[in-house]
Amino acid sequence: MEQGTLIGTILAWFFLLFAMMFDMNTFTVNAGNAMYFWDTGSLMIVFGGTIASTFISHPMGLAKGMFGFIGRSWKPNSH
């Protein structure tokens, strides 16, 4: 795996969670604030729509291969 992939993913998750938990009024971090962003219906719309639009915009063979491509991005390079 490329080091940039790992570092970028960790930083993205850190800043996303930090932004969700940071309270601008009191300048404090409150873990309870993150639950305001959890909505199962919204997650189903986003991820279901992403998968559906992938299958709509690409031929079936390429669309199926996209999931393998995501998995390969986390495996060590073969060269």
PDB file of N, CA and C in Angstrom:
ATOM      1  N   MET A   1       0.848  -1.176   0.000  1.00  0.00           N
ATOM      2  CA  MET A   1       0.000   0.000   0.000  1.00  0.00           C
ATOM      3  C   MET A   1       0.890   1.235   0.000  1.00  0.00           C
ATOM      4  N   GLU A   2       0.465   2.205  -0.735  1.00  0.00           N
ATOM      5  CA  GLU A   2       1.171   3.479  -0.798  1.00  0.00           C
ATOM      6  C   GLU A   2       1.011   4.211   0.533  1.00  0.00           C
ATOM      7  N   GLN A   3       2.107   4.764   1.035  1.00  0.00           N
ATOM      8  CA  GLN A   3       2.054   5.478   2.314  1.00  0.00           C
ATOM      9  C   GLN A   3       1.112   6.675   2.255  1.00  0.00           C
ATOM     10  N   GLY A   4       1.073   7.341   1.123  1.00  0.00           N
ATOM     11  CA  GLY A   4       0.189   8.492   0.963  1.00  0.00           C
ATOM     12  C   GLY A   4      -1.277   8.114   1.117  1.00  0.00           C
ATOM     13  N   THR A   5      -1.648   6.906   0.670  1.00  0.00           N
ATOM     14  CA  THR A   5      -3.027   6.440   0.820  1.00  0.00           C
ATOM     15  C   THR A   5      -3.382   6.292   2.294  1.00  0.00           C
ATOM     16  N   LEU A   6      -2.489   5.679   3.047  1.00  0.00           N
ATOM     17  CA  LEU A   6      -2.738   5.471   4.470  1.00  0.00           C
ATOM     18  C   LEU A   6      -2.773   6.794   5.227  1.00  0.00           C
ATOM     19  N   ILE A   7      -1.793   7.646   5.003  1.00  0.00           N
ATOM     20  CA  ILE A   7      -1.727   8.936   5.696  1.00  0.00           C
ATOM     21  C   ILE A   7      -2.932   9.801   5.327  1.00  0.00           C
ATOM     22  N   GLY A   8      -3.265   9.849   4.057  1.00  0.00           N
ATOM     23  CA  GLY A   8      -4.407  10.645   3.613  1.00  0.00           C
ATOM     24  C   GLY A   8      -5.719  10.161   4.201  1.00  0.00           C
ATOM     25  N   THR A   9      -5.894   8.846   4.284  1.00  0.00           N
ATOM     26  CA  THR A   9      -7.118   8.298   4.854  1.00  0.00           C
ATOM     27  C   THR A   9      -7.224   8.608   6.339  1.00  0.00           C
ATOM     28  N   ILE A  10      -6.133   8.439   7.064  1.00  0.00           N
ATOM     29  CA  ILE A  10      -6.141   8.735   8.499  1.00  0.00           C
ATOM     30  C   ILE A  10      -6.424  10.214   8.739  1.00  0.00           C
ATOM     31  N   LEU A  11      -5.772  11.086   7.988  1.00  0.00           N
ATOM     32  CA  LEU A  11      -6.006  12.521   8.150  1.00  0.00           C
ATOM     33  C   LEU A  11      -7.439  12.908   7.795  1.00  0.00           C
ATOM     34  N   ALA A  12      -7.962  12.319   6.741  1.00  0.00           N
ATOM     35  CA  ALA A  12      -9.338  12.625   6.337  1.00  0.00           C
ATOM     36  C   ALA A  12     -10.322  12.248   7.439  1.00  0.00           C
ATOM     37  N   TRP A  13     -10.171  11.046   7.996  1.00  0.00           N
ATOM     38  CA  TRP A  13     -11.065  10.615   9.079  1.00  0.00           C
ATOM     39  C   TRP A  13     -10.890  11.486  10.316  1.00  0.00           C
ATOM     40  N   PHE A  14      -9.641  11.827  10.654  1.00  0.00           N
ATOM     41  CA  PHE A  14      -9.395  12.664  11.821  1.00  0.00           C
ATOM     42  C   PHE A  14     -10.083  14.018  11.692  1.00  0.00           C
ATOM     43  N   PHE A  15      -9.861  14.693  10.567  1.00  0.00           N
ATOM     44  CA  PHE A  15     -10.440  16.025  10.398  1.00  0.00           C
ATOM     45  C   PHE A  15     -11.960  15.978  10.260  1.00  0.00           C
ATOM     46  N   LEU A  16     -12.477  14.933   9.645  1.00  0.00           N
ATOM     47  CA  LEU A  16     -13.923  14.791   9.546  1.00  0.00           C
ATOM     48  C   LEU A  16     -14.544  14.637  10.935  1.00  0.00           C
ATOM     49  N   LEU A  17     -13.998  13.731  11.736  1.00  0.00           N
ATOM     50  CA  LEU A  17     -14.534  13.529  13.084  1.00  0.00           C
ATOM     51  C   LEU A  17     -14.317  14.744  13.962  1.00  0.00           C
ATOM     52  N   PHE A  18     -13.159  15.378  13.846  1.00  0.00           N
ATOM     53  CA  PHE A  18     -12.889  16.578  14.637  1.00  0.00           C
ATOM     54  C   PHE A  18     -13.887  17.685  14.288  1.00  0.00           C
ATOM     55  N   ALA A  19     -14.144  17.881  13.004  1.00  0.00           N
ATOM     56  CA  ALA A  19     -15.084  18.918  12.585  1.00  0.00           C
ATOM     57  C   ALA A  19     -16.503  18.609  13.079  1.00  0.00           C
ATOM     58  N   MET A  20     -16.854  17.340  13.121  1.00  0.00           N
ATOM     59  CA  MET A  20     -18.176  16.959  13.588  1.00  0.00           C
ATOM     60  C   MET A  20     -18.324  17.169  15.096  1.00  0.00           C
ATOM     61  N   MET A  21     -17.244  17.018  15.848  1.00  0.00           N
ATOM     62  CA  MET A  21     -17.314  17.093  17.306  1.00  0.00           C
ATOM     63  C   MET A  21     -16.968  18.469  17.870  1.00  0.00           C
ATOM     64  N   PHE A  22     -16.400  19.354  17.061  1.00  0.00           N
ATOM     65  CA  PHE A  22     -15.954  20.649  17.556  1.00  0.00           C
ATOM     66  C   PHE A  22     -17.145  21.585  17.710  1.00  0.00           C
ATOM     67  N   ASP A  23     -17.223  22.240  18.830  1.00  0.00           N
ATOM     68  CA  ASP A  23     -18.301  23.197  19.115  1.00  0.00           C
ATOM     69  C   ASP A  23     -17.739  24.606  18.959  1.00  0.00           C
ATOM     70  N   MET A  24     -18.180  25.324  17.935  1.00  0.00           N
ATOM     71  CA  MET A  24     -17.660  26.666  17.653  1.00  0.00           C
ATOM     72  C   MET A  24     -18.056  27.689  18.712  1.00  0.00           C
ATOM     73  N   ASN A  25     -19.149  27.463  19.415  1.00  0.00           N
ATOM     74  CA  ASN A  25     -19.601  28.423  20.426  1.00  0.00           C
ATOM     75  C   ASN A  25     -18.696  28.439  21.652  1.00  0.00           C
ATOM     76  N   THR A  26     -18.279  27.248  22.079  1.00  0.00           N
ATOM     77  CA  THR A  26     -17.461  27.152  23.290  1.00  0.00           C
ATOM     78  C   THR A  26     -16.016  26.773  23.009  1.00  0.00           C
ATOM     79  N   PHE A  27     -15.683  26.519  21.759  1.00  0.00           N
ATOM     80  CA  PHE A  27     -14.349  26.075  21.349  1.00  0.00           C
ATOM     81  C   PHE A  27     -13.895  24.845  22.134  1.00  0.00           C
ATOM     82  N   THR A  28     -14.791  23.880  22.248  1.00  0.00           N
ATOM     83  CA  THR A  28     -14.498  22.616  22.904  1.00  0.00           C
ATOM     84  C   THR A  28     -14.852  21.469  21.971  1.00  0.00           C
ATOM     85  N   VAL A  29     -14.318  20.298  22.289  1.00  0.00           N
ATOM     86  CA  VAL A  29     -14.618  19.087  21.528  1.00  0.00           C
ATOM     87  C   VAL A  29     -15.541  18.230  22.379  1.00  0.00           C
ATOM     88  N   ASN A  30     -16.685  17.865  21.833  1.00  0.00           N
ATOM     89  CA  ASN A  30     -17.675  17.067  22.541  1.00  0.00           C
ATOM     90  C   ASN A  30     -18.042  15.881  21.661  1.00  0.00           C
ATOM     91  N   ALA A  31     -17.697  14.668  22.103  1.00  0.00           N
ATOM     92  CA  ALA A  31     -17.945  13.470  21.296  1.00  0.00           C
ATOM     93  C   ALA A  31     -19.428  13.270  21.011  1.00  0.00           C
ATOM     94  N   GLY A  32     -20.303  13.762  21.871  1.00  0.00           N
ATOM     95  CA  GLY A  32     -21.741  13.620  21.653  1.00  0.00           C
ATOM     96  C   GLY A  32     -22.235  14.348  20.426  1.00  0.00           C
ATOM     97  N   ASN A  33     -21.513  15.385  19.991  1.00  0.00           N
ATOM     98  CA  ASN A  33     -21.925  16.131  18.804  1.00  0.00           C
ATOM     99  C   ASN A  33     -21.903  15.276  17.547  1.00  0.00           C
ATOM    100  N   ALA A  34     -21.054  14.248  17.509  1.00  0.00           N
ATOM    101  CA  ALA A  34     -20.937  13.411  16.307  1.00  0.00           C
ATOM    102  C   ALA A  34     -22.237  12.664  16.026  1.00  0.00           C
ATOM    103  N   MET A  35     -23.026  12.370  17.042  1.00  0.00           N
ATOM    104  CA  MET A  35     -24.274  11.637  16.831  1.00  0.00           C
ATOM    105  C   MET A  35     -25.311  12.465  16.078  1.00  0.00           C
ATOM    106  N   TYR A  36     -25.162  13.770  16.055  1.00  0.00           N
ATOM    107  CA  TYR A  36     -26.073  14.606  15.270  1.00  0.00           C
ATOM    108  C   TYR A  36     -25.921  14.339  13.771  1.00  0.00           C
ATOM    109  N   PHE A  37     -24.783  13.787  13.382  1.00  0.00           N
ATOM    110  CA  PHE A  37     -24.506  13.557  11.969  1.00  0.00           C
ATOM    111  C   PHE A  37     -24.881  12.151  11.519  1.00  0.00           C
ATOM    112  N   TRP A  38     -25.322  11.293  12.423  1.00  0.00           N
ATOM    113  CA  TRP A  38     -25.657   9.915  12.072  1.00  0.00           C
ATOM    114  C   TRP A  38     -27.138   9.835  11.731  1.00  0.00           C
ATOM    115  N   ASP A  39     -27.440   9.473  10.502  1.00  0.00           N
ATOM    116  CA  ASP A  39     -28.811   9.264  10.080  1.00  0.00           C
ATOM    117  C   ASP A  39     -28.808   8.118   9.071  1.00  0.00           C
ATOM    118  N   THR A  40     -29.376   6.997   9.461  1.00  0.00           N
ATOM    119  CA  THR A  40     -29.315   5.783   8.651  1.00  0.00           C
ATOM    120  C   THR A  40     -29.940   5.987   7.271  1.00  0.00           C
ATOM    121  N   GLY A  41     -31.066   6.650   7.220  1.00  0.00           N
ATOM    122  CA  GLY A  41     -31.708   6.890   5.926  1.00  0.00           C
ATOM    123  C   GLY A  41     -30.829   7.687   4.976  1.00  0.00           C
ATOM    124  N   SER A  42     -30.164   8.696   5.515  1.00  0.00           N
ATOM    125  CA  SER A  42     -29.273   9.513   4.687  1.00  0.00           C
ATOM    126  C   SER A  42     -28.085   8.703   4.178  1.00  0.00           C
ATOM    127  N   LEU A  43     -27.536   7.857   5.042  1.00  0.00           N
ATOM    128  CA  LEU A  43     -26.414   7.019   4.618  1.00  0.00           C
ATOM    129  C   LEU A  43     -26.841   6.050   3.523  1.00  0.00           C
ATOM    130  N   MET A  44     -28.035   5.502   3.633  1.00  0.00           N
ATOM    131  CA  MET A  44     -28.523   4.598   2.600  1.00  0.00           C
ATOM    132  C   MET A  44     -28.713   5.329   1.274  1.00  0.00           C
ATOM    133  N   ILE A  45     -29.198   6.565   1.330  1.00  0.00           N
ATOM    134  CA  ILE A  45     -29.366   7.349   0.110  1.00  0.00           C
ATOM    135  C   ILE A  45     -28.014   7.633  -0.535  1.00  0.00           C
ATOM    136  N   VAL A  46     -27.037   8.047   0.260  1.00  0.00           N
ATOM    137  CA  VAL A  46     -25.716   8.403  -0.286  1.00  0.00           C
ATOM    138  C   VAL A  46     -25.014   7.185  -0.868  1.00  0.00           C
ATOM    139  N   PHE A  47     -24.881   6.106  -0.071  1.00  0.00           N
ATOM    140  CA  PHE A  47     -24.140   4.946  -0.558  1.00  0.00           C
ATOM    141  C   PHE A  47     -24.915   4.168  -1.611  1.00  0.00           C
ATOM    142  N   GLY A  48     -26.223   4.040  -1.436  1.00  0.00           N
ATOM    143  CA  GLY A  48     -27.035   3.377  -2.457  1.00  0.00           C
ATOM    144  C   GLY A  48     -27.033   4.148  -3.765  1.00  0.00           C
ATOM    145  N   GLY A  49     -27.112   5.467  -3.676  1.00  0.00           N
ATOM    146  CA  GLY A  49     -27.073   6.296  -4.879  1.00  0.00           C
ATOM    147  C   GLY A  49     -25.729   6.240  -5.573  1.00  0.00           C
ATOM    148  N   THR A  50     -24.670   6.178  -4.789  1.00  0.00           N
ATOM    149  CA  THR A  50     -23.330   6.073  -5.369  1.00  0.00           C
ATOM    150  C   THR A  50     -23.168   4.767  -6.138  1.00  0.00           C
ATOM    151  N   ILE A  51     -23.600   3.672  -5.527  1.00  0.00           N
ATOM    152  CA  ILE A  51     -23.493   2.371  -6.193  1.00  0.00           C
ATOM    153  C   ILE A  51     -24.399   2.332  -7.428  1.00  0.00           C
ATOM    154  N   ALA A  52     -25.613   2.825  -7.296  1.00  0.00           N
ATOM    155  CA  ALA A  52     -26.544   2.820  -8.427  1.00  0.00           C
ATOM    156  C   ALA A  52     -26.026   3.673  -9.584  1.00  0.00           C
ATOM    157  N   SER A  53     -25.502   4.862  -9.266  1.00  0.00           N
ATOM    158  CA  SER A  53     -25.001   5.727 -10.345  1.00  0.00           C
ATOM    159  C   SER A  53     -23.770   5.133 -11.011  1.00  0.00           C
ATOM    160  N   THR A  54     -22.978   4.365 -10.261  1.00  0.00           N
ATOM    161  CA  THR A  54     -21.831   3.678 -10.866  1.00  0.00           C
ATOM    162  C   THR A  54     -22.306   2.666 -11.897  1.00  0.00           C
ATOM    163  N   PHE A  55     -23.328   1.882 -11.550  1.00  0.00           N
ATOM    164  CA  PHE A  55     -23.848   0.893 -12.489  1.00  0.00           C
ATOM    165  C   PHE A  55     -24.569   1.544 -13.661  1.00  0.00           C
ATOM    166  N   ILE A  56     -25.173   2.714 -13.459  1.00  0.00           N
ATOM    167  CA  ILE A  56     -25.865   3.400 -14.541  1.00  0.00           C
ATOM    168  C   ILE A  56     -24.875   3.990 -15.541  1.00  0.00           C
ATOM    169  N   SER A  57     -23.772   4.548 -15.042  1.00  0.00           N
ATOM    170  CA  SER A  57     -22.874   5.308 -15.914  1.00  0.00           C
ATOM    171  C   SER A  57     -21.761   4.486 -16.550  1.00  0.00           C
ATOM    172  N   HIS A  58     -21.590   3.227 -16.146  1.00  0.00           N
ATOM    173  CA  HIS A  58     -20.517   2.392 -16.705  1.00  0.00           C
ATOM    174  C   HIS A  58     -21.092   1.055 -17.155  1.00  0.00           C
ATOM    175  N   PRO A  59     -20.442   0.428 -18.147  1.00  0.00           N
ATOM    176  CA  PRO A  59     -20.866  -0.926 -18.531  1.00  0.00           C
ATOM    177  C   PRO A  59     -20.724  -1.883 -17.336  1.00  0.00           C
ATOM    178  N   MET A  60     -21.515  -2.946 -17.337  1.00  0.00           N
ATOM    179  CA  MET A  60     -21.575  -3.866 -16.196  1.00  0.00           C
ATOM    180  C   MET A  60     -20.211  -4.422 -15.816  1.00  0.00           C
ATOM    181  N   GLY A  61     -19.398  -4.785 -16.770  1.00  0.00           N
ATOM    182  CA  GLY A  61     -18.074  -5.338 -16.469  1.00  0.00           C
ATOM    183  C   GLY A  61     -17.182  -4.347 -15.743  1.00  0.00           C
ATOM    184  N   LEU A  62     -17.205  -3.107 -16.178  1.00  0.00           N
ATOM    185  CA  LEU A  62     -16.402  -2.084 -15.518  1.00  0.00           C
ATOM    186  C   LEU A  62     -16.952  -1.735 -14.144  1.00  0.00           C
ATOM    187  N   ALA A  63     -18.265  -1.690 -14.031  1.00  0.00           N
ATOM    188  CA  ALA A  63     -18.879  -1.347 -12.750  1.00  0.00           C
ATOM    189  C   ALA A  63     -18.558  -2.403 -11.696  1.00  0.00           C
ATOM    190  N   LYS A  64     -18.613  -3.673 -12.063  1.00  0.00           N
ATOM    191  CA  LYS A  64     -18.251  -4.733 -11.111  1.00  0.00           C
ATOM    192  C   LYS A  64     -16.773  -4.631 -10.722  1.00  0.00           C
ATOM    193  N   GLY A  65     -15.937  -4.260 -11.673  1.00  0.00           N
ATOM    194  CA  GLY A  65     -14.501  -4.156 -11.424  1.00  0.00           C
ATOM    195  C   GLY A  65     -14.119  -3.002 -10.518  1.00  0.00           C
ATOM    196  N   MET A  66     -14.988  -2.022 -10.377  1.00  0.00           N
ATOM    197  CA  MET A  66     -14.674  -0.866  -9.523  1.00  0.00           C
ATOM    198  C   MET A  66     -14.496  -1.281  -8.071  1.00  0.00           C
ATOM    199  N   PHE A  67     -15.284  -2.267  -7.614  1.00  0.00           N
ATOM    200  CA  PHE A  67     -15.167  -2.711  -6.231  1.00  0.00           C
ATOM    201  C   PHE A  67     -13.822  -3.397  -6.002  1.00  0.00           C
ATOM    202  N   GLY A  68     -13.350  -4.145  -6.982  1.00  0.00           N
ATOM    203  CA  GLY A  68     -12.031  -4.762  -6.885  1.00  0.00           C
ATOM    204  C   GLY A  68     -10.923  -3.725  -6.901  1.00  0.00           C
ATOM    205  N   PHE A  69     -11.131  -2.664  -7.667  1.00  0.00           N
ATOM    206  CA  PHE A  69     -10.140  -1.583  -7.718  1.00  0.00           C
ATOM    207  C   PHE A  69      -9.998  -0.913  -6.354  1.00  0.00           C
ATOM    208  N   ILE A  70     -11.100  -0.708  -5.674  1.00  0.00           N
ATOM    209  CA  ILE A  70     -11.047  -0.114  -4.337  1.00  0.00           C
ATOM    210  C   ILE A  70     -10.268  -1.030  -3.395  1.00  0.00           C
ATOM    211  N   GLY A  71     -10.517  -2.320  -3.470  1.00  0.00           N
ATOM    212  CA  GLY A  71      -9.788  -3.270  -2.633  1.00  0.00           C
ATOM    213  C   GLY A  71      -8.305  -3.322  -2.955  1.00  0.00           C
ATOM    214  N   ARG A  72      -7.950  -3.239  -4.239  1.00  0.00           N
ATOM    215  CA  ARG A  72      -6.538  -3.268  -4.634  1.00  0.00           C
ATOM    216  C   ARG A  72      -5.790  -2.034  -4.155  1.00  0.00           C
ATOM    217  N   SER A  73      -6.474  -0.931  -3.949  1.00  0.00           N
ATOM    218  CA  SER A  73      -5.772   0.277  -3.524  1.00  0.00           C
ATOM    219  C   SER A  73      -5.241   0.153  -2.101  1.00  0.00           C
ATOM    220  N   TRP A  74      -5.723  -0.835  -1.344  1.00  0.00           N
ATOM    221  CA  TRP A  74      -5.262  -1.045   0.035  1.00  0.00           C
ATOM    222  C   TRP A  74      -4.255  -2.180   0.147  1.00  0.00           C
ATOM    223  N   LYS A  75      -3.956  -2.854  -0.939  1.00  0.00           N
ATOM    224  CA  LYS A  75      -2.989  -3.960  -0.899  1.00  0.00           C
ATOM    225  C   LYS A  75      -1.609  -3.460  -1.296  1.00  0.00           C
ATOM    226  N   PRO A  76      -0.556  -4.172  -0.870  1.00  0.00           N
ATOM    227  CA  PRO A  76       0.806  -3.742  -1.235  1.00  0.00           C
ATOM    228  C   PRO A  76       1.000  -3.751  -2.750  1.00  0.00           C
ATOM    229  N   ASN A  77       1.842  -2.840  -3.224  1.00  0.00           N
ATOM    230  CA  ASN A  77       2.164  -2.800  -4.651  1.00  0.00           C
ATOM    231  C   ASN A  77       2.932  -4.042  -5.038  1.00  0.00           C
ATOM    232  N   SER A  78       2.686  -4.566  -6.227  1.00  0.00           N
ATOM    233  CA  SER A  78       3.340  -5.801  -6.664  1.00  0.00           C
ATOM    234  C   SER A  78       4.675  -5.555  -7.361  1.00  0.00           C
ATOM    235  N   HIS A  79       4.987  -4.287  -7.630  1.00  0.00           N
ATOM    236  CA  HIS A  79       6.261  -4.018  -8.308  1.00  0.00           C
ATOM    237  C   HIS A  79       7.279  -3.442  -7.428  1.00  0.00           C
TER     238      HIS A  79
END
